[in-house]
Amino acid sequence: MEIVSYPAIFTPKDNEIQVDFPDLPEAFTQGKTMDEAMDFAKLGLAITLNDKLGHFEDAPTVSSLEALKQHHPDQIIKMVTVDLEQY
């Protein structure tokens, strides 16, 4: 198992929830519900990190959840956790 966790910002907009990873801007996604957005966030995180690691790039440093919440007090910020070996 290769478990990783990164914080993501979930933003309700136009009848969907947009998901952005501050540490991995290329791993953005969206969903119609919070559950769907989280599922797609896990998939996007896994694909992006596996691609980076497959090209011998280092995984980015994980931002502090608390620091992000202080910088974005009105946003929904959650940790997204995946097992990279499942993707």
Protein backbone atom coordinates (compact mmCIF):
# COMPACT_ATOMS: atom_id res chain seq x y z
CA MET A 1 0.00 0.00 0.00
CA GLU A 2 1.16 3.50 -0.82
CA ILE A 3 -1.20 5.84 1.02
CA VAL A 4 -0.98 9.57 0.29
CA SER A 5 -3.07 12.52 1.50
CA TYR A 6 -3.28 16.03 0.07
CA PRO A 7 -5.60 18.90 0.97
CA ALA A 8 -8.18 19.97 -1.59
CA ILE A 9 -10.44 23.01 -1.81
CA PHE A 10 -14.08 22.18 -2.63
CA THR A 11 -15.98 25.12 -4.14
CA PRO A 12 -19.72 24.94 -4.88
CA LYS A 13 -20.34 26.74 -8.19
CA ASP A 14 -22.96 26.52 -10.95
CA ASN A 15 -24.75 23.40 -9.61
CA GLU A 16 -21.51 21.46 -9.10
CA ILE A 17 -18.57 21.30 -6.75
CA GLN A 18 -15.18 22.24 -8.16
CA VAL A 19 -12.11 20.64 -6.60
CA ASP A 20 -8.63 22.16 -6.63
CA PHE A 21 -5.42 20.88 -5.07
CA PRO A 22 -3.14 23.78 -4.04
CA ASP A 23 -0.10 21.47 -4.15
CA LEU A 24 -1.07 19.87 -7.48
CA PRO A 25 -2.83 22.48 -9.64
CA GLU A 26 -3.00 20.05 -12.56
CA ALA A 27 -5.22 17.68 -10.50
CA PHE A 28 -8.43 19.77 -10.64
CA THR A 29 -11.82 18.09 -11.05
CA GLN A 30 -15.52 18.51 -10.20
CA GLY A 31 -18.66 16.62 -9.22
CA LYS A 32 -22.38 17.20 -8.90
CA THR A 33 -22.44 16.20 -5.21
CA MET A 34 -19.82 16.28 -2.45
CA ASP A 35 -19.53 12.48 -2.58
CA GLU A 36 -19.01 12.52 -6.35
CA ALA A 37 -16.53 15.40 -6.09
CA MET A 38 -14.54 13.47 -3.45
CA ASP A 39 -14.53 10.31 -5.60
CA PHE A 40 -13.28 12.27 -8.61
CA ALA A 41 -10.75 14.08 -6.40
CA LYS A 42 -9.31 10.73 -5.30
CA LEU A 43 -9.07 9.58 -8.90
CA GLY A 44 -7.47 12.85 -10.05
CA LEU A 45 -4.99 12.83 -7.18
CA ALA A 46 -3.96 9.23 -7.86
CA ILE A 47 -3.57 9.74 -11.61
CA THR A 48 -1.56 12.95 -11.21
CA LEU A 49 0.79 11.55 -8.57
CA ASN A 50 1.31 8.26 -10.42
CA ASP A 51 2.14 10.23 -13.56
CA LYS A 52 4.68 12.39 -11.71
CA LEU A 53 6.28 9.41 -10.00
CA GLY A 54 6.29 7.46 -13.26
CA HIS A 55 8.33 10.27 -14.82
CA PHE A 56 10.75 10.24 -11.86
CA GLU A 57 9.45 13.54 -10.53
CA ASP A 58 9.18 14.10 -6.79
CA ALA A 59 5.76 14.30 -5.24
CA PRO A 60 5.13 17.86 -4.03
CA THR A 61 5.32 18.73 -0.36
CA VAL A 62 1.94 18.53 1.33
CA SER A 63 0.54 21.86 2.53
CA SER A 64 -0.69 22.17 6.08
CA LEU A 65 -4.46 21.75 6.31
CA GLU A 66 -4.61 24.31 9.12
CA ALA A 67 -2.59 26.88 7.16
CA LEU A 68 -4.89 26.48 4.15
CA LYS A 69 -7.96 26.89 6.34
CA GLN A 70 -6.50 30.13 7.72
CA HIS A 71 -5.77 31.45 4.21
CA HIS A 72 -9.19 30.35 2.87
CA PRO A 73 -11.57 30.71 5.84
CA ASP A 74 -14.74 30.67 3.71
CA GLN A 75 -13.78 27.60 1.67
CA ILE A 76 -14.45 23.90 2.26
CA ILE A 77 -11.05 22.25 2.65
CA LYS A 78 -10.68 18.51 3.16
CA MET A 79 -7.87 16.00 3.01
CA VAL A 80 -8.12 13.58 0.09
CA THR A 81 -6.50 10.21 0.78
CA VAL A 82 -5.77 7.48 -1.76
CA ASP A 83 -3.79 4.28 -2.06
CA LEU A 84 -1.71 4.85 -5.21
CA GLU A 85 -1.39 1.10 -5.77
CA GLN A 86 -5.16 0.89 -6.41
CA TYR A 87 -4.88 3.12 -9.49
